[in-house]
Amino acid sequence: FPIQFEFSSHSNRLGKPTDPVRYYMVGRQLYNSTSKHFTAELLLQDTTYSYDDMRNHGRLQWSGDKSVIGTPNANVTFVIYNRISTSYVRILRGWLEL
């Protein structure tokens, strides 16, 4: 999963192109099938933290810089992105306008 991605082929209801919509990864869920246990990785202020409710007294633990959360991992089951672009979505009279 990419750390950042964008949708750039949007147009509003009049067919006019809009600015790209950008997203940035802020977290991901991991599942260990051997122990049948979920953990999480979170990105906070360019630092990756891991969370495991069974370790470290349920507190976040430092994992490294932001590149850690972008490292491929076969155990990833869910990814959370935050919209970072200035483009907006507005509902107006039943039309979806970007």
N, C-alpha and C. Protein backbone atom coordinates (compact mmCIF):
# COMPACT_ATOMS: atom_id res chain seq x y z
N PHE A 1 0.85 -1.18 0.00
CA PHE A 1 0.00 0.00 0.00
C PHE A 1 0.89 1.24 0.00
N PRO A 2 0.60 2.20 -0.84
CA PRO A 2 1.44 3.40 -0.88
C PRO A 2 1.20 4.29 0.34
N ILE A 3 2.22 5.03 0.75
CA ILE A 3 2.07 5.97 1.86
C ILE A 3 1.19 7.14 1.42
N GLN A 4 1.34 7.58 0.18
CA GLN A 4 0.54 8.69 -0.32
C GLN A 4 0.05 8.37 -1.73
N PHE A 5 -1.17 8.77 -2.04
CA PHE A 5 -1.67 8.60 -3.41
C PHE A 5 -2.68 9.69 -3.71
N GLU A 6 -3.03 9.82 -4.97
CA GLU A 6 -4.00 10.83 -5.35
C GLU A 6 -4.91 10.34 -6.47
N PHE A 7 -6.11 10.91 -6.50
CA PHE A 7 -7.04 10.72 -7.60
C PHE A 7 -6.99 12.02 -8.40
N SER A 8 -6.65 11.94 -9.65
CA SER A 8 -6.52 13.17 -10.42
C SER A 8 -7.47 13.23 -11.61
N SER A 9 -8.32 12.25 -11.77
CA SER A 9 -9.20 12.23 -12.95
C SER A 9 -10.63 12.66 -12.63
N HIS A 10 -10.79 13.45 -11.58
CA HIS A 10 -12.13 13.90 -11.19
C HIS A 10 -12.57 15.11 -12.00
N SER A 11 -13.86 15.23 -12.19
CA SER A 11 -14.42 16.44 -12.77
C SER A 11 -15.72 16.74 -12.03
N ASN A 12 -16.08 18.00 -12.04
CA ASN A 12 -17.33 18.36 -11.36
C ASN A 12 -18.51 18.03 -12.26
N ARG A 13 -19.72 18.36 -11.83
CA ARG A 13 -20.91 17.96 -12.59
C ARG A 13 -21.01 18.66 -13.94
N LEU A 14 -20.23 19.70 -14.14
CA LEU A 14 -20.23 20.39 -15.43
C LEU A 14 -19.12 19.86 -16.35
N GLY A 15 -18.40 18.85 -15.88
CA GLY A 15 -17.35 18.26 -16.68
C GLY A 15 -16.02 18.99 -16.60
N LYS A 16 -15.91 19.97 -15.71
CA LYS A 16 -14.65 20.70 -15.57
C LYS A 16 -13.70 19.93 -14.66
N PRO A 17 -12.43 19.83 -15.04
CA PRO A 17 -11.48 19.11 -14.19
C PRO A 17 -11.28 19.82 -12.85
N THR A 18 -10.99 19.06 -11.85
CA THR A 18 -10.75 19.61 -10.52
C THR A 18 -9.32 19.31 -10.10
N ASP A 19 -8.90 19.90 -9.00
CA ASP A 19 -7.58 19.62 -8.44
C ASP A 19 -7.53 18.17 -7.98
N PRO A 20 -6.33 17.56 -8.00
CA PRO A 20 -6.22 16.18 -7.51
C PRO A 20 -6.63 16.08 -6.05
N VAL A 21 -7.19 14.94 -5.68
CA VAL A 21 -7.53 14.65 -4.29
C VAL A 21 -6.43 13.75 -3.76
N ARG A 22 -5.73 14.20 -2.70
CA ARG A 22 -4.57 13.48 -2.17
C ARG A 22 -4.89 12.88 -0.80
N TYR A 23 -4.33 11.69 -0.60
CA TYR A 23 -4.49 10.97 0.67
C TYR A 23 -3.13 10.54 1.20
N TYR A 24 -3.01 10.47 2.52
CA TYR A 24 -1.76 10.08 3.18
C TYR A 24 -2.07 9.00 4.21
N MET A 25 -1.28 7.93 4.22
CA MET A 25 -1.51 6.83 5.16
C MET A 25 -1.22 7.29 6.59
N VAL A 26 -2.14 7.00 7.50
CA VAL A 26 -1.94 7.35 8.90
C VAL A 26 -1.96 6.13 9.81
N GLY A 27 -2.34 4.98 9.28
CA GLY A 27 -2.35 3.78 10.10
C GLY A 27 -2.64 2.53 9.30
N ARG A 28 -2.30 1.39 9.88
CA ARG A 28 -2.64 0.12 9.26
C ARG A 28 -2.77 -0.95 10.34
N GLN A 29 -3.64 -1.89 10.08
CA GLN A 29 -3.90 -3.00 10.98
C GLN A 29 -3.18 -4.23 10.44
N LEU A 30 -2.59 -5.01 11.34
CA LEU A 30 -1.87 -6.22 10.96
C LEU A 30 -2.47 -7.41 11.72
N TYR A 31 -2.48 -8.55 11.08
CA TYR A 31 -3.01 -9.77 11.70
C TYR A 31 -1.97 -10.87 11.61
N ASN A 32 -1.61 -11.42 12.76
CA ASN A 32 -0.68 -12.54 12.82
C ASN A 32 -1.51 -13.82 12.89
N SER A 33 -1.50 -14.60 11.81
CA SER A 33 -2.35 -15.79 11.76
C SER A 33 -1.87 -16.90 12.69
N THR A 34 -0.60 -16.89 13.05
CA THR A 34 -0.08 -17.91 13.98
C THR A 34 -0.63 -17.69 15.38
N SER A 35 -0.54 -16.44 15.86
CA SER A 35 -1.03 -16.15 17.21
C SER A 35 -2.49 -15.69 17.21
N LYS A 36 -3.06 -15.52 16.01
CA LYS A 36 -4.45 -15.06 15.86
C LYS A 36 -4.68 -13.77 16.64
N HIS A 37 -3.82 -12.80 16.34
CA HIS A 37 -3.82 -11.56 17.11
C HIS A 37 -3.64 -10.36 16.18
N PHE A 38 -4.41 -9.30 16.44
CA PHE A 38 -4.31 -8.06 15.67
C PHE A 38 -3.40 -7.07 16.39
N THR A 39 -2.63 -6.33 15.61
CA THR A 39 -1.84 -5.21 16.11
C THR A 39 -2.06 -4.04 15.15
N ALA A 40 -1.47 -2.90 15.46
CA ALA A 40 -1.63 -1.74 14.59
C ALA A 40 -0.33 -0.96 14.52
N GLU A 41 -0.18 -0.22 13.43
CA GLU A 41 0.91 0.74 13.28
C GLU A 41 0.27 2.08 12.97
N LEU A 42 0.75 3.13 13.63
CA LEU A 42 0.20 4.47 13.48
C LEU A 42 1.30 5.43 13.10
N LEU A 43 0.96 6.41 12.28
CA LEU A 43 1.91 7.45 11.91
C LEU A 43 1.51 8.73 12.61
N LEU A 44 2.36 9.21 13.51
CA LEU A 44 2.11 10.44 14.25
C LEU A 44 3.32 11.35 14.11
N GLN A 45 3.14 12.51 13.52
CA GLN A 45 4.21 13.49 13.34
C GLN A 45 5.46 12.86 12.72
N ASP A 46 5.28 12.18 11.59
CA ASP A 46 6.37 11.56 10.82
C ASP A 46 7.12 10.46 11.56
N THR A 47 6.51 9.90 12.60
CA THR A 47 7.10 8.80 13.35
C THR A 47 6.10 7.65 13.39
N THR A 48 6.58 6.43 13.16
CA THR A 48 5.72 5.25 13.21
C THR A 48 5.75 4.64 14.61
N TYR A 49 4.57 4.34 15.13
CA TYR A 49 4.43 3.68 16.42
C TYR A 49 3.64 2.40 16.22
N SER A 50 3.95 1.40 17.03
CA SER A 50 3.18 0.16 16.99
C SER A 50 2.30 0.11 18.24
N TYR A 51 1.17 -0.57 18.08
CA TYR A 51 0.25 -0.74 19.21
C TYR A 51 -0.14 -2.21 19.28
N ASP A 52 0.06 -2.78 20.45
CA ASP A 52 -0.32 -4.16 20.73
C ASP A 52 -0.87 -4.17 22.14
N ASP A 53 -2.15 -4.44 22.28
CA ASP A 53 -2.77 -4.39 23.61
C ASP A 53 -2.25 -5.45 24.57
N MET A 54 -1.49 -6.42 24.06
CA MET A 54 -0.95 -7.49 24.90
C MET A 54 0.50 -7.20 25.33
N ARG A 55 1.09 -6.12 24.80
CA ARG A 55 2.49 -5.78 25.12
C ARG A 55 2.59 -4.31 25.50
N ASN A 56 3.65 -3.98 26.19
CA ASN A 56 3.96 -2.60 26.55
C ASN A 56 2.79 -1.93 27.29
N HIS A 57 2.06 -2.71 28.06
CA HIS A 57 0.93 -2.23 28.87
C HIS A 57 -0.11 -1.48 28.03
N GLY A 58 -0.25 -1.89 26.77
CA GLY A 58 -1.24 -1.29 25.90
C GLY A 58 -0.90 0.12 25.45
N ARG A 59 0.37 0.49 25.55
CA ARG A 59 0.80 1.83 25.13
C ARG A 59 1.50 1.77 23.79
N LEU A 60 1.51 2.90 23.08
CA LEU A 60 2.23 2.98 21.82
C LEU A 60 3.72 2.78 22.06
N GLN A 61 4.35 2.13 21.08
CA GLN A 61 5.78 1.89 21.17
C GLN A 61 6.44 2.39 19.88
N TRP A 62 7.52 3.15 20.03
CA TRP A 62 8.24 3.70 18.89
C TRP A 62 8.71 2.57 17.98
N SER A 63 8.50 2.75 16.65
CA SER A 63 8.95 1.75 15.68
C SER A 63 9.97 2.31 14.70
N GLY A 64 9.98 3.61 14.48
CA GLY A 64 10.92 4.22 13.55
C GLY A 64 10.32 5.43 12.87
N ASP A 65 10.96 5.86 11.79
CA ASP A 65 10.45 7.02 11.06
C ASP A 65 9.27 6.63 10.18
N LYS A 66 8.80 7.57 9.34
CA LYS A 66 7.59 7.33 8.55
C LYS A 66 7.77 6.25 7.49
N SER A 67 9.01 5.91 7.15
CA SER A 67 9.22 4.87 6.14
C SER A 67 8.80 3.49 6.65
N VAL A 68 8.79 3.30 7.96
CA VAL A 68 8.42 2.00 8.54
C VAL A 68 7.00 1.62 8.16
N ILE A 69 6.08 2.57 8.23
CA ILE A 69 4.67 2.26 7.94
C ILE A 69 4.46 1.97 6.45
N GLY A 70 5.40 2.39 5.62
CA GLY A 70 5.30 2.13 4.19
C GLY A 70 5.99 0.85 3.75
N THR A 71 6.64 0.17 4.67
CA THR A 71 7.32 -1.08 4.35
C THR A 71 6.29 -2.18 4.08
N PRO A 72 6.40 -2.86 2.93
CA PRO A 72 5.44 -3.93 2.64
C PRO A 72 5.41 -4.99 3.74
N ASN A 73 4.20 -5.44 4.06
CA ASN A 73 4.01 -6.44 5.10
C ASN A 73 2.80 -7.28 4.73
N ALA A 74 3.00 -8.58 4.58
CA ALA A 74 1.93 -9.49 4.17
C ALA A 74 0.82 -9.61 5.22
N ASN A 75 1.07 -9.17 6.44
CA ASN A 75 0.08 -9.27 7.51
C ASN A 75 -0.91 -8.10 7.53
N VAL A 76 -0.74 -7.11 6.66
CA VAL A 76 -1.63 -5.95 6.64
C VAL A 76 -3.02 -6.38 6.17
N THR A 77 -4.03 -6.02 6.97
CA THR A 77 -5.41 -6.37 6.63
C THR A 77 -6.29 -5.15 6.41
N PHE A 78 -5.83 -4.00 6.86
CA PHE A 78 -6.65 -2.79 6.79
C PHE A 78 -5.72 -1.59 6.80
N VAL A 79 -6.01 -0.58 5.97
CA VAL A 79 -5.18 0.62 5.90
C VAL A 79 -6.08 1.84 6.08
N ILE A 80 -5.60 2.84 6.81
CA ILE A 80 -6.36 4.06 7.05
C ILE A 80 -5.60 5.23 6.43
N TYR A 81 -6.33 6.00 5.60
CA TYR A 81 -5.76 7.18 4.95
C TYR A 81 -6.50 8.42 5.41
N ASN A 82 -5.77 9.54 5.44
CA ASN A 82 -6.33 10.84 5.75
C ASN A 82 -6.25 11.71 4.51
N ARG A 83 -7.33 12.40 4.18
CA ARG A 83 -7.32 13.29 3.02
C ARG A 83 -6.52 14.55 3.36
N ILE A 84 -5.53 14.88 2.52
CA ILE A 84 -4.66 16.01 2.80
C ILE A 84 -4.76 17.12 1.76
N SER A 85 -5.53 16.94 0.72
CA SER A 85 -5.62 17.95 -0.34
C SER A 85 -6.58 19.05 0.04
N THR A 86 -6.47 20.15 -0.69
CA THR A 86 -7.37 21.27 -0.45
C THR A 86 -8.65 21.14 -1.25
N SER A 87 -8.72 20.17 -2.16
CA SER A 87 -9.96 19.92 -2.90
C SER A 87 -11.04 19.51 -1.89
N TYR A 88 -12.27 19.75 -2.24
CA TYR A 88 -13.33 19.44 -1.30
C TYR A 88 -14.49 18.76 -2.03
N VAL A 89 -15.31 18.13 -1.24
CA VAL A 89 -16.53 17.51 -1.77
C VAL A 89 -17.71 18.26 -1.17
N ARG A 90 -18.67 18.61 -2.04
CA ARG A 90 -19.83 19.36 -1.58
C ARG A 90 -21.09 18.74 -2.18
N ILE A 91 -22.08 18.52 -1.39
CA ILE A 91 -23.36 18.04 -1.87
C ILE A 91 -24.27 19.25 -2.08
N LEU A 92 -24.77 19.43 -3.28
CA LEU A 92 -25.58 20.59 -3.59
C LEU A 92 -26.75 20.17 -4.46
N ARG A 93 -27.97 20.28 -3.94
CA ARG A 93 -29.19 19.94 -4.67
C ARG A 93 -29.14 18.53 -5.26
N GLY A 94 -28.61 17.58 -4.50
CA GLY A 94 -28.58 16.19 -4.95
C GLY A 94 -27.45 15.85 -5.89
N TRP A 95 -26.63 16.81 -6.27
CA TRP A 95 -25.49 16.55 -7.16
C TRP A 95 -24.23 16.42 -6.33
N LEU A 96 -23.39 15.49 -6.70
CA LEU A 96 -22.08 15.39 -6.07
C LEU A 96 -21.13 16.26 -6.87
N GLU A 97 -20.58 17.27 -6.23
CA GLU A 97 -19.73 18.21 -6.93
C GLU A 97 -18.34 18.14 -6.31
N LEU A 98 -17.33 17.94 -7.14
CA LEU A 98 -15.94 17.87 -6.67
C LEU A 98 -15.20 19.13 -7.03
